[in-house]
Amino acid sequence: MTVEFLGIRGFGQVGGVGKTGRTADPQKADKSGGTEGASFSSALQGAHQMQAPSHTDQTQRAARVQALKEQVANGSYEPDLNKVASSLLKFLVEEG
């Protein structure tokens, strides 16, 4: 899912890079001369680390996917139809 904010989709222009591909002038970025301010790069790195799945999560997901593939292959997979319907309704409401 991509979030659009002020006509910018995702994180494409964060970090001082404009549409021309040039980086912002560091002298213009901080006119106060003080050390106070927001550090967007560290905030984005922290957000990325929070969203990145750990190796354990990836291993567990791979095992779950393999188990589901085996169930589908041998015909024993029976999804919870209430969960499927609920998820489908949420998707349809968000799209509309």
Protein backbone atom coordinates (compact mmCIF):
# COMPACT_ATOMS: atom_id res chain seq x y z
CA MET A 1 0.00 0.00 0.00
CA THR A 2 1.38 3.41 -0.97
CA VAL A 3 0.41 6.59 0.81
CA GLU A 4 0.08 9.77 -1.19
CA PHE A 5 0.97 12.98 0.65
CA LEU A 6 0.95 16.36 -1.09
CA GLY A 7 1.12 14.68 -4.47
CA ILE A 8 4.13 12.52 -3.52
CA ARG A 9 3.63 8.76 -3.47
CA GLY A 10 5.62 6.71 -0.95
CA PHE A 11 9.06 7.80 0.21
CA GLY A 12 10.38 8.74 -3.25
CA GLN A 13 11.50 12.28 -2.48
CA VAL A 14 12.57 12.02 1.14
CA GLY A 15 16.17 12.89 1.90
CA GLY A 16 16.54 16.20 0.09
CA VAL A 17 16.39 14.79 -3.44
CA GLY A 18 14.09 16.80 -5.67
CA LYS A 19 12.49 15.87 -8.96
CA THR A 20 15.65 16.86 -10.83
CA GLY A 21 17.72 14.31 -8.93
CA ARG A 22 19.90 16.96 -7.24
CA THR A 23 20.39 16.91 -3.51
CA ALA A 24 19.35 19.91 -1.45
CA ASP A 25 21.97 22.47 -0.46
CA PRO A 26 22.96 21.68 3.16
CA GLN A 27 23.47 25.38 3.93
CA LYS A 28 19.91 26.20 2.90
CA ALA A 29 18.45 23.30 4.86
CA ASP A 30 19.51 24.61 8.30
CA LYS A 31 19.38 28.40 8.51
CA SER A 32 19.21 28.54 12.32
CA GLY A 33 22.73 27.18 12.77
CA GLY A 34 21.64 25.22 15.85
CA THR A 35 21.70 21.51 16.37
CA GLU A 36 17.98 21.24 17.02
CA GLY A 37 15.79 19.73 14.33
CA ALA A 38 14.34 16.53 13.03
CA SER A 39 16.50 13.79 11.62
CA PHE A 40 14.37 12.25 8.91
CA SER A 41 16.97 9.72 7.83
CA SER A 42 17.23 8.17 11.30
CA ALA A 43 13.44 8.20 11.64
CA LEU A 44 13.06 6.45 8.28
CA GLN A 45 15.72 3.90 9.18
CA GLY A 46 13.90 3.15 12.41
CA ALA A 47 10.59 2.77 10.57
CA HIS A 48 12.22 0.49 8.00
CA GLN A 49 13.70 -1.71 10.73
CA MET A 50 10.31 -1.97 12.41
CA GLN A 51 8.67 -3.05 9.15
CA ALA A 52 11.40 -5.44 8.03
CA PRO A 53 10.52 -9.03 8.94
CA SER A 54 13.06 -10.87 11.04
CA HIS A 55 14.74 -14.07 9.86
CA THR A 56 12.60 -16.07 12.31
CA ASP A 57 9.42 -14.54 10.87
CA GLN A 58 10.53 -15.40 7.34
CA THR A 59 11.33 -18.98 8.33
CA GLN A 60 7.97 -19.43 10.06
CA ARG A 61 6.14 -17.92 7.07
CA ALA A 62 7.97 -20.21 4.64
CA ALA A 63 7.04 -23.24 6.74
CA ARG A 64 3.38 -22.15 6.89
CA VAL A 65 3.26 -21.54 3.13
CA GLN A 66 4.77 -24.97 2.46
CA ALA A 67 2.21 -26.64 4.75
CA LEU A 68 -0.63 -24.84 2.99
CA LYS A 69 0.73 -25.86 -0.43
CA GLU A 70 0.77 -29.48 0.68
CA GLN A 71 -2.82 -29.24 1.95
CA VAL A 72 -3.98 -27.73 -1.35
CA ALA A 73 -2.10 -30.39 -3.33
CA ASN A 74 -3.67 -33.31 -1.46
CA GLY A 75 -7.15 -31.73 -1.27
CA SER A 76 -7.37 -31.35 2.50
CA TYR A 77 -7.23 -27.52 2.61
CA GLU A 78 -10.42 -26.04 4.08
CA PRO A 79 -10.29 -22.26 4.57
CA ASP A 80 -12.45 -20.50 7.17
CA LEU A 81 -15.16 -19.07 4.91
CA ASN A 82 -16.17 -16.44 7.49
CA LYS A 83 -12.63 -15.04 7.52
CA VAL A 84 -12.49 -15.07 3.73
CA ALA A 85 -15.80 -13.22 3.45
CA SER A 86 -14.78 -10.68 6.11
CA SER A 87 -11.50 -9.99 4.37
CA LEU A 88 -13.20 -9.67 1.00
CA LEU A 89 -15.73 -7.18 2.39
CA LYS A 90 -12.95 -5.06 3.92
CA PHE A 91 -11.13 -5.04 0.59
CA LEU A 92 -14.28 -4.04 -1.33
CA VAL A 93 -15.08 -1.23 1.13
CA GLU A 94 -11.52 0.20 0.87
CA GLU A 95 -11.61 0.14 -2.94
CA GLY A 96 -15.00 1.83 -3.19
